[in-house]
Amino acid sequence: MNKQYPVFFLELENGNLKYGIDDIALVDKPAIESMFMAFSQEEPIKFSVNSEEQRIITGPVMIPDKMIYRISNGKEFYVAATKDTIFQAAQQWGKENRNNNMKLTHDAISNTPDVFMFESFVTNESRVASVKGYEDLPIGSWFITCKVISDQVWSQVKDGTFKGFSLEALFKLEPVAVLNDEEIAALMSLID
């Protein structure tokens, strides 16, 4: 028997301050299943490097229509965000000056001074259609670029302790469908 899962779209509610992104954390297993790239002179994909190591990391924060498995209070479900919701979330993040709202893990109580974000953009057809190394991600993906200040955190990026970004956010959940395992796998194969 195929298990059934509710599927929800993540939505923001304009003007309601309780919805939105609070923090972005560096994690070992990002829910969007896409890792960031670390740029240094030793890496095959280079940023413009003026010193031995720039300690710059770039990666996706949100990917449109990416089905993300969640479990809450013992109930399993999937969530996804549309391009419009992602664009709104990125704009709200910038408007609220949250560039320093970076954590090293979701377990951290406060933001870290060891990492700061200096670039944020959502891919689109007219400005940035794709990002080198992430050409397979759809238009509407939100990327950030961060500078790692701490030697310890940079070592953790290089050794794979931190592999990607993950949000701490509150979104409205808009029910979309109930799908079984096969239907979810078929959808994910179209998006991945």
Protein backbone atom coordinates (compact mmCIF):
# COMPACT_ATOMS: atom_id res chain seq x y z
CA MET A 1 0.00 0.00 0.00
CA ASN A 2 1.28 3.43 -0.95
CA LYS A 3 1.46 5.86 1.94
CA GLN A 4 -0.33 9.21 1.48
CA TYR A 5 1.35 12.54 2.27
CA PRO A 6 -0.23 15.98 2.41
CA VAL A 7 1.64 18.54 0.30
CA PHE A 8 1.65 22.24 1.23
CA PHE A 9 2.94 25.35 -0.49
CA LEU A 10 4.88 27.72 1.77
CA GLU A 11 3.42 31.23 1.69
CA LEU A 12 4.11 34.59 3.25
CA GLU A 13 1.32 36.89 4.31
CA ASN A 14 2.09 40.45 3.27
CA GLY A 15 2.02 42.80 6.23
CA ASN A 16 1.93 40.02 8.83
CA LEU A 17 5.29 40.22 10.61
CA LYS A 18 4.99 36.79 12.20
CA TYR A 19 5.72 35.17 8.82
CA GLY A 20 9.15 35.22 7.23
CA ILE A 21 12.71 34.06 7.68
CA ASP A 22 14.42 34.65 11.00
CA ASP A 23 17.85 33.13 10.41
CA ILE A 24 19.92 31.10 7.97
CA ALA A 25 22.11 28.36 9.42
CA LEU A 26 25.13 26.51 8.09
CA VAL A 27 24.28 22.83 8.37
CA ASP A 28 25.57 19.41 7.41
CA LYS A 29 22.30 18.25 5.78
CA PRO A 30 20.32 21.08 4.18
CA ALA A 31 16.63 20.25 3.66
CA ILE A 32 16.84 21.39 0.04
CA GLU A 33 19.53 18.72 -0.49
CA SER A 34 21.87 21.11 -2.28
CA MET A 35 25.30 21.94 -0.91
CA PHE A 36 27.19 25.21 -1.10
CA MET A 37 30.50 25.66 -2.85
CA ALA A 38 33.51 26.93 -0.97
CA PHE A 39 35.74 29.20 -3.04
CA SER A 40 39.48 29.32 -2.51
CA GLN A 41 42.57 29.07 -4.71
CA GLU A 42 42.56 25.30 -4.32
CA GLU A 43 38.99 24.91 -5.58
CA PRO A 44 38.28 24.28 -9.28
CA ILE A 45 35.57 26.96 -9.37
CA LYS A 46 37.20 30.25 -8.43
CA PHE A 47 35.98 33.62 -7.29
CA SER A 48 38.28 36.52 -7.96
CA VAL A 49 40.92 35.68 -5.40
CA ASN A 50 43.28 38.33 -4.06
CA SER A 51 44.76 36.33 -1.22
CA GLU A 52 45.56 32.72 -0.46
CA GLU A 53 42.04 31.99 0.73
CA GLN A 54 39.03 34.29 0.39
CA ARG A 55 36.83 32.08 2.58
CA ILE A 56 33.75 32.71 0.49
CA ILE A 57 30.85 30.26 0.27
CA THR A 58 27.94 30.42 -2.14
CA GLY A 59 24.87 28.23 -2.30
CA PRO A 60 21.11 28.00 -2.64
CA VAL A 61 18.79 28.81 0.24
CA MET A 62 15.47 28.03 -1.47
CA ILE A 63 14.68 26.17 -4.70
CA PRO A 64 11.27 26.61 -6.34
CA ASP A 65 8.92 23.63 -6.26
CA LYS A 66 11.50 21.49 -4.43
CA MET A 67 9.55 18.95 -2.37
CA ILE A 68 10.94 18.92 1.17
CA TYR A 69 9.96 16.14 3.56
CA ARG A 70 8.94 17.30 7.04
CA ILE A 71 7.60 15.62 10.16
CA SER A 72 5.81 17.52 12.91
CA ASN A 73 4.00 16.04 15.90
CA GLY A 74 4.40 12.59 14.34
CA LYS A 75 2.72 13.65 11.07
CA GLU A 76 4.62 13.34 7.81
CA PHE A 77 4.14 15.83 4.98
CA TYR A 78 5.93 17.71 2.19
CA VAL A 79 6.35 21.44 1.63
CA ALA A 80 7.44 23.40 -1.41
CA ALA A 81 7.76 27.08 -2.28
CA THR A 82 6.85 28.79 -5.53
CA LYS A 83 9.14 31.23 -7.35
CA ASP A 84 6.90 34.09 -6.18
CA THR A 85 7.12 33.09 -2.51
CA ILE A 86 10.90 32.71 -2.76
CA PHE A 87 11.23 36.16 -4.35
CA GLN A 88 9.06 37.69 -1.60
CA ALA A 89 11.07 35.91 1.13
CA ALA A 90 14.40 37.14 -0.29
CA GLN A 91 13.08 40.71 -0.52
CA GLN A 92 11.69 40.59 3.02
CA TRP A 93 15.06 39.25 4.28
CA GLY A 94 16.83 42.22 2.70
CA LYS A 95 14.25 44.81 3.76
CA GLU A 96 14.58 43.67 7.38
CA ASN A 97 18.42 43.91 7.23
CA ARG A 98 18.92 40.29 8.26
CA ASN A 99 22.30 39.76 6.55
CA ASN A 100 23.98 39.09 9.90
CA ASN A 101 21.30 36.61 11.01
CA MET A 102 23.58 33.63 10.40
CA LYS A 103 23.91 30.66 12.73
CA LEU A 104 26.33 27.76 12.69
CA THR A 105 23.60 25.18 13.37
CA HIS A 106 19.91 25.23 14.13
CA ASP A 107 20.84 24.33 17.70
CA ALA A 108 22.65 27.65 18.16
CA ILE A 109 20.76 30.11 20.33
CA SER A 110 22.30 33.26 18.90
CA ASN A 111 23.76 34.45 15.61
CA THR A 112 27.47 34.02 14.96
CA PRO A 113 30.01 36.76 14.26
CA ASP A 114 32.06 34.10 12.38
CA VAL A 115 30.04 34.33 9.14
CA PHE A 116 28.25 37.16 7.38
CA MET A 117 26.24 37.32 4.18
CA PHE A 118 27.28 39.94 1.65
CA GLU A 119 25.34 38.84 -1.43
CA SER A 120 21.79 37.65 -2.01
CA PHE A 121 19.95 37.15 -5.30
CA VAL A 122 17.16 35.17 -6.90
CA THR A 123 17.85 33.79 -10.37
CA ASN A 124 15.63 35.06 -13.18
CA GLU A 125 15.63 35.31 -16.97
CA SER A 126 16.74 38.94 -17.22
CA ARG A 127 19.55 39.34 -14.65
CA VAL A 128 21.11 36.09 -13.40
CA ALA A 129 19.74 33.04 -15.20
CA SER A 130 22.08 30.49 -13.62
CA VAL A 131 24.97 30.15 -11.20
CA LYS A 132 28.15 28.32 -12.15
CA GLY A 133 28.06 24.90 -10.55
CA TYR A 134 24.28 25.08 -10.09
CA GLU A 135 23.14 25.26 -13.71
CA ASP A 136 20.63 22.46 -13.07
CA LEU A 137 18.65 24.51 -10.53
CA PRO A 138 15.50 26.19 -11.83
CA ILE A 139 14.96 29.91 -12.39
CA GLY A 140 13.67 31.42 -9.15
CA SER A 141 16.28 29.77 -6.87
CA TRP A 142 17.54 32.02 -4.07
CA PHE A 143 21.32 32.10 -3.55
CA ILE A 144 23.46 33.74 -0.90
CA THR A 145 27.19 34.33 -0.65
CA CYS A 146 28.90 34.52 2.73
CA LYS A 147 32.33 35.39 4.09
CA VAL A 148 33.71 33.05 6.74
CA ILE A 149 35.89 34.94 9.23
CA SER A 150 36.76 32.28 11.79
CA ASP A 151 39.61 29.79 11.19
CA GLN A 152 37.62 27.10 13.00
CA VAL A 153 34.46 27.59 10.92
CA TRP A 154 36.47 27.70 7.69
CA SER A 155 38.08 24.37 8.67
CA GLN A 156 34.59 22.98 9.28
CA VAL A 157 33.45 24.14 5.82
CA LYS A 158 36.47 22.53 4.19
CA ASP A 159 36.15 19.24 6.14
CA GLY A 160 32.44 18.93 5.32
CA THR A 161 31.03 19.64 8.78
CA PHE A 162 29.00 22.41 7.11
CA LYS A 163 27.73 21.58 3.62
CA GLY A 164 24.84 23.95 2.94
CA PHE A 165 22.33 26.52 4.14
CA SER A 166 19.06 25.95 5.97
CA LEU A 167 16.30 28.36 6.93
CA GLU A 168 14.72 29.12 10.27
CA ALA A 169 11.41 30.51 9.12
CA LEU A 170 7.68 30.64 9.65
CA PHE A 171 5.47 30.28 6.59
CA LYS A 172 1.76 29.75 6.18
CA LEU A 173 1.03 26.25 4.90
CA GLU A 174 -1.39 26.26 2.00
CA PRO A 175 -2.73 22.72 1.31
CA VAL A 176 -2.20 21.72 -2.31
CA ALA A 177 -2.69 17.96 -2.63
CA VAL A 178 -2.35 14.56 -1.03
CA LEU A 179 0.12 12.39 -2.92
CA ASN A 180 1.43 8.85 -2.54
CA ASP A 181 5.08 7.75 -2.60
CA GLU A 182 5.08 7.08 -6.36
CA GLU A 183 3.51 10.44 -7.21
CA ILE A 184 5.99 12.28 -4.97
CA ALA A 185 8.94 10.39 -6.53
CA ALA A 186 7.66 11.26 -10.02
CA LEU A 187 7.35 14.95 -9.11
CA MET A 188 10.77 15.04 -7.49
CA SER A 189 12.38 13.48 -10.57
CA LEU A 190 10.99 16.33 -12.68
CA ILE A 191 12.41 18.98 -10.36
CA ASP A 192 15.74 17.45 -9.30
